[in-house]
N, C-alpha and C. Protein backbone atom coordinates (compact mmCIF):
# COMPACT_ATOMS: atom_id res chain seq x y z
N MET A 1 92.77 90.62 69.63
CA MET A 1 92.15 89.16 68.99
C MET A 1 93.10 88.26 70.45
N LEU A 2 92.34 87.53 71.84
CA LEU A 2 93.36 86.74 72.17
C LEU A 2 93.80 85.85 71.94
N LYS A 3 95.32 85.74 72.28
CA LYS A 3 96.05 84.75 71.96
C LYS A 3 96.16 83.72 72.52
N LEU A 4 96.82 82.71 73.52
CA LEU A 4 97.03 81.89 74.39
C LEU A 4 97.65 80.96 73.96
N ASN A 5 98.97 80.81 74.36
CA ASN A 5 99.70 79.19 74.69
C ASN A 5 99.57 78.91 75.95
N PRO A 6 98.55 77.31 75.07
CA PRO A 6 98.76 76.50 76.81
C PRO A 6 99.58 76.17 77.28
N ALA A 7 101.02 76.01 76.71
CA ALA A 7 101.79 74.98 77.73
C ALA A 7 102.81 76.66 78.34
N LYS A 8 102.39 77.43 78.38
CA LYS A 8 102.41 78.68 79.10
C LYS A 8 101.28 79.22 79.97
N THR A 9 100.52 79.00 80.31
CA THR A 9 98.58 79.20 80.43
C THR A 9 98.46 78.42 81.69
N ALA A 10 97.84 78.63 82.62
CA ALA A 10 97.33 77.86 84.17
C ALA A 10 95.88 78.73 84.13
N LEU A 11 94.61 77.67 84.45
CA LEU A 11 93.76 77.85 84.66
C LEU A 11 93.63 78.64 85.96
N LEU A 12 93.34 79.10 86.13
CA LEU A 12 93.13 79.10 88.41
C LEU A 12 91.38 79.29 88.29
N VAL A 13 91.12 78.67 88.78
CA VAL A 13 89.31 78.16 89.70
C VAL A 13 89.77 78.69 90.61
N ILE A 14 88.65 79.79 90.73
CA ILE A 14 89.09 80.53 92.92
C ILE A 14 87.63 79.59 93.55
N ASN A 15 87.55 78.96 94.64
CA ASN A 15 86.57 79.21 95.43
C ASN A 15 85.42 78.19 95.22
N MET A 16 85.76 77.77 94.29
CA MET A 16 84.02 76.82 94.07
C MET A 16 83.99 75.55 94.58
N THR A 17 84.19 75.64 95.28
CA THR A 17 83.93 74.68 96.81
C THR A 17 82.50 74.93 97.54
N ASN A 18 82.29 73.10 98.01
CA ASN A 18 80.83 72.91 98.23
C ASN A 18 80.03 73.68 99.41
N ASP A 19 81.36 74.47 100.22
CA ASP A 19 80.49 75.68 101.57
C ASP A 19 79.69 76.80 100.22
N LEU A 20 80.19 77.52 99.25
CA LEU A 20 80.27 78.16 98.48
C LEU A 20 79.19 78.33 97.75
N LEU A 21 79.21 76.88 97.32
CA LEU A 21 77.93 76.36 96.58
C LEU A 21 76.62 77.59 96.15
N GLU A 22 76.07 78.12 97.61
CA GLU A 22 74.50 78.11 97.81
C GLU A 22 74.83 79.98 97.89
N TRP A 23 75.92 80.71 97.33
CA TRP A 23 76.00 82.17 97.46
C TRP A 23 75.73 82.36 96.81
N GLU A 24 75.15 83.90 96.39
CA GLU A 24 74.83 84.16 95.20
C GLU A 24 75.41 84.46 94.22
N GLY A 25 75.33 83.52 93.26
CA GLY A 25 75.60 83.27 91.61
C GLY A 25 76.93 82.17 91.90
N VAL A 26 77.32 82.15 93.04
CA VAL A 26 78.07 80.82 92.63
C VAL A 26 77.79 79.88 91.71
N ASP A 27 76.18 78.75 91.86
CA ASP A 27 75.70 77.84 91.53
C ASP A 27 75.45 77.93 89.51
N ALA A 28 75.17 79.24 89.31
CA ALA A 28 75.72 79.46 88.04
C ALA A 28 77.13 79.22 87.38
N LEU A 29 77.83 79.57 88.14
CA LEU A 29 79.09 79.21 87.28
C LEU A 29 79.77 77.69 86.92
N VAL A 30 79.12 77.22 87.89
CA VAL A 30 79.21 75.85 87.49
C VAL A 30 79.64 75.27 86.44
N PRO A 31 78.69 74.95 85.40
CA PRO A 31 78.60 74.91 84.57
C PRO A 31 79.78 75.28 82.96
N ARG A 32 79.62 76.85 83.23
CA ARG A 32 80.71 77.60 82.29
C ARG A 32 81.85 77.39 82.96
N LEU A 33 82.36 77.09 84.35
CA LEU A 33 84.00 76.63 83.92
C LEU A 33 83.68 75.19 83.99
N GLY A 34 83.34 74.77 84.07
CA GLY A 34 83.42 73.54 84.21
C GLY A 34 83.31 72.81 82.03
N ARG A 35 82.82 73.73 81.33
CA ARG A 35 82.86 73.53 80.09
C ARG A 35 84.89 74.13 79.92
N LEU A 36 84.85 75.55 80.29
CA LEU A 36 86.19 75.72 80.01
C LEU A 36 87.68 74.77 80.59
N VAL A 37 86.90 74.32 82.07
CA VAL A 37 88.55 73.45 81.94
C VAL A 37 88.07 72.07 81.12
N LYS A 38 87.36 71.91 81.09
CA LYS A 38 87.24 70.19 80.02
C LYS A 38 88.08 70.61 78.50
N ALA A 39 87.58 72.46 78.61
CA ALA A 39 88.87 72.52 76.63
C ALA A 39 90.21 72.64 77.43
N ALA A 40 90.40 73.06 78.23
CA ALA A 40 91.86 73.82 79.34
C ALA A 40 92.15 72.16 79.12
N ARG A 41 91.95 70.94 80.25
CA ARG A 41 92.43 69.79 80.12
C ARG A 41 93.08 69.26 78.87
N ALA A 42 92.10 69.57 77.73
CA ALA A 42 92.32 68.35 76.49
C ALA A 42 93.37 69.70 75.58
N ARG A 43 93.69 70.95 75.54
CA ARG A 43 94.91 71.41 75.55
C ARG A 43 95.68 71.42 75.95
N GLY A 44 96.17 70.40 77.09
CA GLY A 44 97.59 70.25 77.75
C GLY A 44 97.77 71.66 78.99
N MET A 45 97.10 72.33 79.28
CA MET A 45 97.09 72.93 79.84
C MET A 45 96.82 73.05 81.51
N THR A 46 97.61 73.90 82.44
CA THR A 46 98.02 73.54 84.23
C THR A 46 96.49 74.50 84.25
N VAL A 47 95.71 72.85 85.14
CA VAL A 47 94.71 73.81 86.35
C VAL A 47 94.77 74.00 87.53
N ILE A 48 94.59 74.46 87.99
CA ILE A 48 95.04 75.41 89.24
C ILE A 48 93.17 75.66 90.36
N TYR A 49 93.63 74.83 91.42
CA TYR A 49 91.41 74.76 91.77
C TYR A 49 92.91 75.40 93.38
N SER A 50 92.26 76.57 93.56
CA SER A 50 92.54 77.26 95.09
C SER A 50 91.16 77.26 95.88
N SER A 51 91.40 77.69 97.00
CA SER A 51 90.41 77.27 97.64
C SER A 51 90.46 78.01 99.57
N LEU A 52 89.51 78.72 100.00
CA LEU A 52 89.75 79.13 101.03
C LEU A 52 89.35 78.34 102.17
N ALA A 53 90.16 77.89 103.41
CA ALA A 53 90.04 76.14 104.52
C ALA A 53 90.85 76.92 105.38
N PHE A 54 90.03 77.04 106.61
CA PHE A 54 90.83 77.59 107.91
C PHE A 54 90.54 76.54 109.02
N CYS A 55 91.63 76.94 110.06
CA CYS A 55 91.60 75.64 111.08
C CYS A 55 90.27 76.11 111.70
N ALA A 56 90.18 74.74 112.58
CA ALA A 56 88.22 74.41 113.11
C ALA A 56 88.89 76.47 114.42
N GLY A 57 87.32 76.25 114.63
CA GLY A 57 86.95 77.59 115.35
C GLY A 57 86.84 78.94 114.32
N GLY A 58 87.72 79.20 113.21
CA GLY A 58 88.63 80.10 112.43
C GLY A 58 89.50 80.76 113.24
N THR A 59 90.53 80.08 113.78
CA THR A 59 91.73 80.80 114.44
C THR A 59 91.99 81.64 113.61
N ASP A 60 92.26 80.90 112.46
CA ASP A 60 93.86 81.70 111.45
C ASP A 60 92.84 82.61 110.55
N THR A 61 91.47 83.60 110.53
CA THR A 61 91.06 83.75 109.43
C THR A 61 91.59 84.74 109.86
N GLY A 62 92.35 86.15 110.72
CA GLY A 62 92.80 87.25 110.79
C GLY A 62 91.89 88.15 110.43
N GLN A 63 92.72 89.52 109.44
CA GLN A 63 91.49 90.80 109.27
C GLN A 63 89.68 89.85 108.30
N LEU A 64 90.52 89.25 107.16
CA LEU A 64 89.68 88.01 106.70
C LEU A 64 88.00 87.62 107.87
N GLY A 65 88.80 86.94 108.52
CA GLY A 65 87.20 86.60 109.35
C GLY A 65 86.45 88.00 110.28
N ARG A 66 87.35 88.71 110.56
CA ARG A 66 86.71 89.69 111.25
C ARG A 66 85.06 90.33 110.35
N PHE A 67 86.04 90.91 109.38
CA PHE A 67 84.52 91.29 108.63
C PHE A 67 83.97 90.35 107.84
N TRP A 68 83.78 88.64 107.98
CA TRP A 68 82.97 87.95 107.91
C TRP A 68 82.87 86.86 108.60
N GLU A 69 81.65 86.93 109.58
CA GLU A 69 81.85 86.72 111.38
C GLU A 69 81.14 85.20 110.64
N THR A 70 80.73 84.64 109.21
CA THR A 70 80.69 83.10 109.09
C THR A 70 81.91 82.54 109.12
N ILE A 71 82.65 83.18 108.27
CA ILE A 71 83.92 82.49 108.56
C ILE A 71 84.71 82.56 109.67
N GLY A 72 85.37 83.84 109.92
CA GLY A 72 86.04 83.98 111.63
C GLY A 72 85.43 83.30 112.46
N SER A 73 83.55 82.85 113.09
CA SER A 73 83.43 81.84 114.04
C SER A 73 83.71 80.63 113.34
N GLY A 74 83.86 80.10 112.31
CA GLY A 74 84.80 78.45 111.87
C GLY A 74 83.16 77.48 111.47
N LYS A 75 81.55 78.82 111.11
CA LYS A 75 80.67 77.98 110.80
C LYS A 75 80.81 77.57 109.50
N VAL A 76 81.53 77.89 108.55
CA VAL A 76 82.22 77.68 106.75
C VAL A 76 83.52 77.52 106.96
N LEU A 77 83.65 77.04 105.80
CA LEU A 77 84.96 76.88 105.15
C LEU A 77 85.73 76.12 106.17
N THR A 78 85.51 74.65 106.53
CA THR A 78 86.66 74.82 107.50
C THR A 78 87.67 73.46 107.62
N LYS A 79 88.73 73.42 107.38
CA LYS A 79 90.07 72.55 106.66
C LYS A 79 89.25 70.61 107.19
N GLY A 80 89.48 69.91 106.30
CA GLY A 80 88.84 68.67 106.66
C GLY A 80 87.35 68.41 106.33
N THR A 81 86.84 69.60 106.30
CA THR A 81 85.58 69.04 106.15
C THR A 81 84.96 68.64 104.66
N PRO A 82 83.99 68.36 104.35
CA PRO A 82 83.66 68.17 103.03
C PRO A 82 83.11 69.88 102.33
N GLY A 83 83.08 71.03 103.10
CA GLY A 83 82.81 72.35 102.69
C GLY A 83 84.01 72.35 102.20
N VAL A 84 84.74 72.41 102.20
CA VAL A 84 86.02 73.14 101.39
C VAL A 84 86.44 71.63 100.02
N GLU A 85 85.21 70.82 99.39
CA GLU A 85 86.20 70.40 99.08
C GLU A 85 85.65 71.33 97.56
N ILE A 86 86.33 70.67 95.92
CA ILE A 86 86.13 71.23 95.11
C ILE A 86 84.45 70.76 94.79
N CYS A 87 83.30 71.61 94.42
CA CYS A 87 82.31 71.22 94.22
C CYS A 87 82.40 69.62 92.98
N SER A 88 81.74 68.87 93.12
CA SER A 88 81.70 67.15 92.21
C SER A 88 81.78 68.08 90.58
N GLU A 89 81.32 68.87 90.30
CA GLU A 89 80.62 68.96 88.66
C GLU A 89 82.31 69.95 88.45
N LEU A 90 82.75 69.66 89.07
CA LEU A 90 84.76 70.49 88.87
C LEU A 90 85.51 69.62 89.37
N ALA A 91 85.42 68.73 89.88
CA ALA A 91 86.17 67.57 90.62
C ALA A 91 87.81 67.69 89.64
N PRO A 92 88.73 68.00 90.27
CA PRO A 92 89.99 67.71 89.99
C PRO A 92 90.01 66.32 89.39
N ALA A 93 91.23 66.38 88.89
CA ALA A 93 91.01 65.51 87.10
C ALA A 93 93.05 65.22 87.67
N PRO A 94 93.41 63.89 87.57
CA PRO A 94 94.42 63.51 87.58
C PRO A 94 95.47 64.83 87.62
N GLY A 95 96.59 65.73 88.10
CA GLY A 95 97.71 65.94 87.26
C GLY A 95 97.22 68.07 87.48
N ASP A 96 95.86 68.27 88.24
CA ASP A 96 95.27 69.46 88.55
C ASP A 96 95.87 69.54 89.81
N LEU A 97 95.99 70.47 90.31
CA LEU A 97 96.97 71.42 91.19
C LEU A 97 95.45 71.49 92.15
N VAL A 98 95.73 71.36 93.31
CA VAL A 98 94.53 71.91 94.65
C VAL A 98 95.75 72.55 95.59
N LEU A 99 94.67 73.96 95.64
CA LEU A 99 95.93 74.50 96.66
C LEU A 99 94.86 75.28 97.58
N GLN A 100 95.11 74.99 98.94
CA GLN A 100 94.94 75.75 100.58
C GLN A 100 94.78 76.93 100.45
N ARG A 101 94.14 78.10 101.17
CA ARG A 101 94.43 79.29 100.95
C ARG A 101 93.94 80.10 102.62
N ASN A 102 94.40 80.65 103.31
CA ASN A 102 93.26 81.44 103.95
C ASN A 102 93.47 82.86 104.22
N ARG A 103 93.60 83.29 103.18
CA ARG A 103 93.42 85.14 102.83
C ARG A 103 93.34 84.78 101.47
N TYR A 104 92.77 86.07 101.02
CA TYR A 104 91.64 86.05 99.63
C TYR A 104 92.73 85.85 98.42
N SER A 105 93.99 86.20 98.47
CA SER A 105 95.02 86.51 97.31
C SER A 105 95.27 84.43 96.96
N ALA A 106 95.30 84.29 96.08
CA ALA A 106 95.55 82.53 95.87
C ALA A 106 97.44 82.92 96.20
N PHE A 107 97.69 83.83 96.36
CA PHE A 107 99.13 84.20 96.27
C PHE A 107 99.84 83.82 97.09
N TYR A 108 98.71 84.41 98.52
CA TYR A 108 99.00 84.31 99.94
C TYR A 108 99.57 83.37 100.86
N ASN A 109 100.83 83.41 101.12
CA ASN A 109 101.47 81.68 102.03
C ASN A 109 101.15 80.55 101.12
N THR A 110 100.99 80.69 100.18
CA THR A 110 101.13 79.21 99.46
C THR A 110 102.31 79.17 98.34
N GLU A 111 102.22 78.50 97.55
CA GLU A 111 103.28 78.08 96.58
C GLU A 111 103.13 77.96 95.44
N LEU A 112 101.67 78.66 94.94
CA LEU A 112 101.95 78.72 93.76
C LEU A 112 102.83 79.77 92.71
N ASP A 113 103.48 80.81 92.91
CA ASP A 113 103.91 81.13 92.32
C ASP A 113 104.92 80.34 91.76
N ASP A 114 105.90 79.56 92.78
CA ASP A 114 107.19 78.62 92.26
C ASP A 114 106.13 77.75 91.45
N LEU A 115 104.83 77.36 91.75
CA LEU A 115 103.91 76.72 90.93
C LEU A 115 104.19 76.52 89.70
N LEU A 116 103.93 78.24 89.66
CA LEU A 116 103.67 78.27 88.03
C LEU A 116 105.35 78.83 87.55
N ARG A 117 105.81 79.53 88.14
CA ARG A 117 106.85 79.43 87.86
C ARG A 117 108.39 78.27 87.27
N SER A 118 107.49 77.28 88.26
CA SER A 118 108.64 75.99 87.39
C SER A 118 108.53 75.57 85.85
N ARG A 119 106.56 75.68 85.79
CA ARG A 119 106.00 75.26 85.03
C ARG A 119 106.73 76.01 83.45
N GLY A 120 106.91 76.90 83.97
CA GLY A 120 107.07 78.30 82.59
C GLY A 120 106.23 78.72 82.56
N ILE A 121 104.86 79.13 83.48
CA ILE A 121 103.82 79.78 82.88
C ILE A 121 104.11 80.72 82.96
N ASP A 122 103.80 81.98 82.18
CA ASP A 122 103.74 83.03 82.07
C ASP A 122 102.12 84.03 81.86
N THR A 123 101.37 83.09 81.97
CA THR A 123 99.52 83.19 81.54
C THR A 123 98.77 82.64 82.65
N ILE A 124 98.18 83.88 83.44
CA ILE A 124 97.25 82.59 84.36
C ILE A 124 95.35 83.25 83.78
N VAL A 125 94.84 82.80 83.67
CA VAL A 125 93.51 82.65 82.64
C VAL A 125 92.65 82.91 84.53
N ILE A 126 91.73 83.92 85.15
CA ILE A 126 91.02 83.36 86.83
C ILE A 126 89.62 83.62 86.17
N GLY A 127 89.18 82.61 86.67
CA GLY A 127 87.05 82.59 87.25
C GLY A 127 87.25 82.21 88.38
N GLY A 128 85.64 81.62 88.43
CA GLY A 128 85.45 81.72 90.08
C GLY A 128 85.18 83.09 91.15
N TYR A 129 85.09 82.82 92.35
CA TYR A 129 84.10 83.55 93.15
C TYR A 129 84.96 84.13 94.44
N SER A 130 84.94 85.13 94.77
CA SER A 130 84.31 86.19 94.19
C SER A 130 85.39 87.18 93.47
N THR A 131 84.53 87.98 92.28
CA THR A 131 84.75 88.97 91.61
C THR A 131 85.49 90.03 92.18
N ASN A 132 85.09 90.96 93.21
CA ASN A 132 85.77 92.28 93.72
C ASN A 132 86.53 91.79 95.39
N PHE A 133 86.62 90.14 95.83
CA PHE A 133 87.47 89.66 96.63
C PHE A 133 89.03 88.95 96.65
N CYS A 134 87.85 87.81 96.14
CA CYS A 134 89.00 86.68 95.88
C CYS A 134 89.82 86.63 94.69
N CYS A 135 89.23 86.58 93.65
CA CYS A 135 89.58 86.62 91.92
C CYS A 135 90.06 88.56 91.92
N ASP A 136 90.11 89.18 92.22
CA ASP A 136 90.33 90.02 92.27
C ASP A 136 91.71 90.80 92.49
N SER A 137 91.82 89.81 94.19
CA SER A 137 93.22 89.99 94.84
C SER A 137 94.00 89.31 94.52
N THR A 138 93.54 88.44 93.59
CA THR A 138 94.82 86.77 92.94
C THR A 138 95.12 88.09 91.17
N ALA A 139 93.81 88.60 91.31
CA ALA A 139 94.84 89.24 89.59
C ALA A 139 95.55 90.47 90.13
N ARG A 140 95.76 91.06 90.75
CA ARG A 140 96.49 92.05 91.34
C ARG A 140 97.88 91.59 91.61
N ASP A 141 97.41 90.75 92.74
CA ASP A 141 99.10 89.67 93.15
C ASP A 141 99.90 88.83 91.68
N ALA A 142 98.61 88.39 90.74
CA ALA A 142 99.70 88.33 89.76
C ALA A 142 100.32 89.25 88.95
N ASN A 143 99.24 90.59 88.69
CA ASN A 143 99.87 91.13 87.97
C ASN A 143 101.53 92.36 88.58
N PHE A 144 100.63 92.23 90.26
CA PHE A 144 102.37 92.72 90.45
C PHE A 144 103.82 91.71 90.83
N ARG A 145 103.26 90.62 90.20
CA ARG A 145 104.40 89.79 89.53
C ARG A 145 104.78 89.27 88.09
N ASP A 146 103.69 90.52 87.27
CA ASP A 146 104.50 90.39 86.43
C ASP A 146 103.73 89.10 85.14
N TYR A 147 102.71 88.47 85.98
CA TYR A 147 102.03 87.24 84.95
C TYR A 147 101.17 88.06 84.08
N ASN A 148 100.86 87.98 82.75
CA ASN A 148 100.29 88.29 81.75
C ASN A 148 98.39 87.39 82.58
N VAL A 149 97.35 88.44 82.85
CA VAL A 149 96.24 87.71 83.79
C VAL A 149 95.19 87.55 82.78
N VAL A 150 94.44 87.06 82.05
CA VAL A 150 93.10 87.50 81.52
C VAL A 150 91.62 86.54 83.46
N PHE A 151 91.01 88.09 82.89
CA PHE A 151 90.00 87.44 83.74
C PHE A 151 88.86 87.38 82.89
N LEU A 152 87.94 86.67 83.60
CA LEU A 152 87.02 86.29 83.56
C LEU A 152 85.46 86.95 83.08
N SER A 153 85.03 87.40 82.51
CA SER A 153 83.84 88.16 82.51
C SER A 153 83.05 87.88 82.57
N ASP A 154 82.70 85.99 82.41
CA ASP A 154 81.11 85.26 82.65
C ASP A 154 81.39 84.14 83.14
N GLY A 155 82.42 84.31 83.65
CA GLY A 155 83.59 82.73 84.79
C GLY A 155 83.72 83.50 86.41
N THR A 156 83.06 84.95 86.29
CA THR A 156 83.10 85.08 87.30
C THR A 156 82.37 85.76 88.25
N ALA A 157 82.05 85.69 89.48
CA ALA A 157 80.16 86.46 89.72
C ALA A 157 80.57 86.89 91.23
N PRO A 158 80.41 88.53 91.41
CA PRO A 158 80.57 89.58 92.53
C PRO A 158 79.44 89.14 93.80
N ILE A 159 80.15 89.89 94.81
CA ILE A 159 78.71 89.90 96.32
C ILE A 159 78.74 91.25 95.82
N ALA A 160 77.66 91.41 96.19
CA ALA A 160 76.58 92.80 96.25
C ALA A 160 76.62 93.30 97.65
N LEU A 161 77.20 94.76 96.84
CA LEU A 161 77.37 96.01 97.78
C LEU A 161 76.82 96.74 98.92
N GLN A 162 76.69 97.33 99.90
CA GLN A 162 76.23 98.70 100.37
C GLN A 162 77.21 99.20 99.81
N ASP A 163 76.57 100.88 100.02
CA ASP A 163 77.23 102.17 99.87
C ASP A 163 77.44 102.58 101.51
N ASP A 164 77.75 103.57 101.50
CA ASP A 164 77.97 104.54 103.02
C ASP A 164 76.91 104.73 103.85
N SER A 165 75.47 104.54 103.07
CA SER A 165 73.97 105.10 103.98
C SER A 165 73.42 103.23 103.61
N GLY A 166 74.32 102.58 103.02
CA GLY A 166 73.15 101.28 103.64
C GLY A 166 72.87 100.88 102.94
N ALA A 167 72.50 102.06 101.42
CA ALA A 167 71.92 101.67 100.64
C ALA A 167 72.45 100.64 99.02
N ALA A 168 71.97 99.65 98.48
CA ALA A 168 71.83 98.55 98.02
C ALA A 168 73.63 98.73 96.69
N ILE A 169 74.26 98.24 95.94
CA ILE A 169 75.07 98.10 95.45
C ILE A 169 74.36 96.86 94.02
N SER A 170 73.72 96.72 93.37
CA SER A 170 73.81 95.52 93.01
C SER A 170 74.63 94.66 92.70
N GLY A 171 75.17 93.27 92.34
CA GLY A 171 76.35 92.54 92.32
C GLY A 171 76.27 92.86 90.89
N ASP A 172 75.37 93.01 89.25
CA ASP A 172 76.03 93.42 88.43
C ASP A 172 76.60 94.62 88.06
N GLU A 173 76.33 95.87 88.87
CA GLU A 173 76.61 96.35 89.30
C GLU A 173 78.23 96.94 89.22
N VAL A 174 78.74 96.13 90.26
CA VAL A 174 79.65 95.48 91.17
C VAL A 174 80.52 95.44 90.10
N GLN A 175 80.31 94.08 89.29
CA GLN A 175 80.65 93.38 88.28
C GLN A 175 80.69 93.84 87.45
N LYS A 176 79.98 95.24 87.10
CA LYS A 176 80.73 96.00 85.58
C LYS A 176 81.87 97.03 86.21
N THR A 177 82.10 97.06 87.57
CA THR A 177 82.63 98.47 87.59
C THR A 177 83.88 97.50 88.05
N GLU A 178 83.81 96.84 88.83
CA GLU A 178 85.12 96.23 88.73
C GLU A 178 85.77 94.95 87.09
N LEU A 179 84.97 95.16 86.74
CA LEU A 179 85.76 94.24 85.28
C LEU A 179 86.07 95.85 84.34
N ALA A 180 85.39 96.63 84.53
CA ALA A 180 86.29 98.40 84.48
C ALA A 180 87.28 98.09 84.61
N ASN A 181 87.37 98.33 86.09
CA ASN A 181 88.73 98.62 87.23
C ASN A 181 90.00 97.93 86.56
N LEU A 182 90.01 96.81 86.41
CA LEU A 182 90.39 95.73 85.92
C LEU A 182 91.21 96.00 84.71
N ARG A 183 89.93 96.54 82.89
CA ARG A 183 90.96 96.23 82.30
C ARG A 183 91.39 97.39 82.75
N GLN A 184 91.28 98.42 82.89
CA GLN A 184 91.91 99.82 82.99
C GLN A 184 93.64 100.03 83.09
N GLY A 185 93.61 98.57 83.70
CA GLY A 185 95.48 98.39 84.00
C GLY A 185 95.88 97.72 84.98
N ILE A 186 95.07 96.14 85.09
CA ILE A 186 95.26 94.82 85.73
C ILE A 186 95.57 93.44 84.92
N ALA A 187 94.07 93.60 83.94
CA ALA A 187 94.53 92.57 83.35
C ALA A 187 93.20 92.58 82.05
N ARG A 188 93.57 91.15 81.36
CA ARG A 188 92.60 91.39 79.81
C ARG A 188 91.95 90.56 80.42
N VAL A 189 89.91 91.32 80.34
CA VAL A 189 89.27 91.05 80.54
C VAL A 189 88.99 90.32 79.25
N ALA A 190 88.27 89.42 79.62
CA ALA A 190 87.40 87.87 78.21
C ALA A 190 86.23 87.24 78.68
N SER A 191 86.06 86.49 77.54
CA SER A 191 84.88 85.52 78.03
C SER A 191 85.34 84.80 78.23
N ILE A 192 84.77 83.17 78.73
CA ILE A 192 84.50 82.47 78.05
C ILE A 192 85.02 81.75 77.09
N GLU A 193 84.30 82.25 75.79
CA GLU A 193 84.24 81.88 74.75
C GLU A 193 85.24 82.42 73.96
N GLU A 194 85.64 84.01 74.31
CA GLU A 194 87.51 84.20 73.83
C GLU A 194 88.28 83.43 74.17
N VAL A 195 87.93 82.37 76.17
CA VAL A 195 89.51 82.15 75.56
C VAL A 195 89.30 80.19 75.18
N GLU A 196 88.16 80.19 74.75
CA GLU A 196 88.11 78.82 73.95
C GLU A 196 88.24 78.74 72.27
N SER A 197 88.30 79.78 71.96
CA SER A 197 88.54 80.20 70.84
C SER A 197 90.00 81.09 70.60
N ALA A 198 90.60 81.19 72.04
CA ALA A 198 92.12 81.41 71.36
C ALA A 198 92.90 79.86 71.51
N LEU A 199 92.47 79.29 72.50
CA LEU A 199 93.31 77.64 72.70
C LEU A 199 92.65 76.47 72.15
N ALA A 200 91.96 76.98 70.56
CA ALA A 200 91.69 76.27 69.57
C ALA A 200 91.95 76.72 68.62
N ALA A 201 93.07 77.90 69.10
CA ALA A 201 93.68 78.85 67.79
C ALA A 201 95.15 77.69 67.40
């Protein structure tokens, strides 16, 4: 049974920004994450939003921009534009923290680690987009820093892939495999309902 101490737990919501709402599976996360954000705030948990945001023209995208043309060319996720704002349904409330980054992991070149440790937080609940890139990278970084990681099975959405031959690997298959891998040695995988129950206990 999952147990959480709200005072020592943070909810980390990743990439739920306007530019990404139309990407596959993202919009479906909004009501589910909205429910959990509300429950977290009610229990006094720290709520943190982490969003990708890049300089105009994609000049600071590095390797990430080389793999994702729309990002590397500066077509999406540009700092100072409405596209990098948290979607209105999940809008940050007073007291929530909002961090921007330019790599997959929410820890990379951000003050996230310092903010968590200064608040005595030892457990991170991760939700958002995408399961197999930004959420995964963040979960691994958190694990390497010895945080307890709870990864939301139904509060994350994957990016579908292709194998070497170009055959599709469905989002469902990616999600299943990714969660199994994380469960094996990186994180406790749990549903939003399980997290809500743990907070209510």
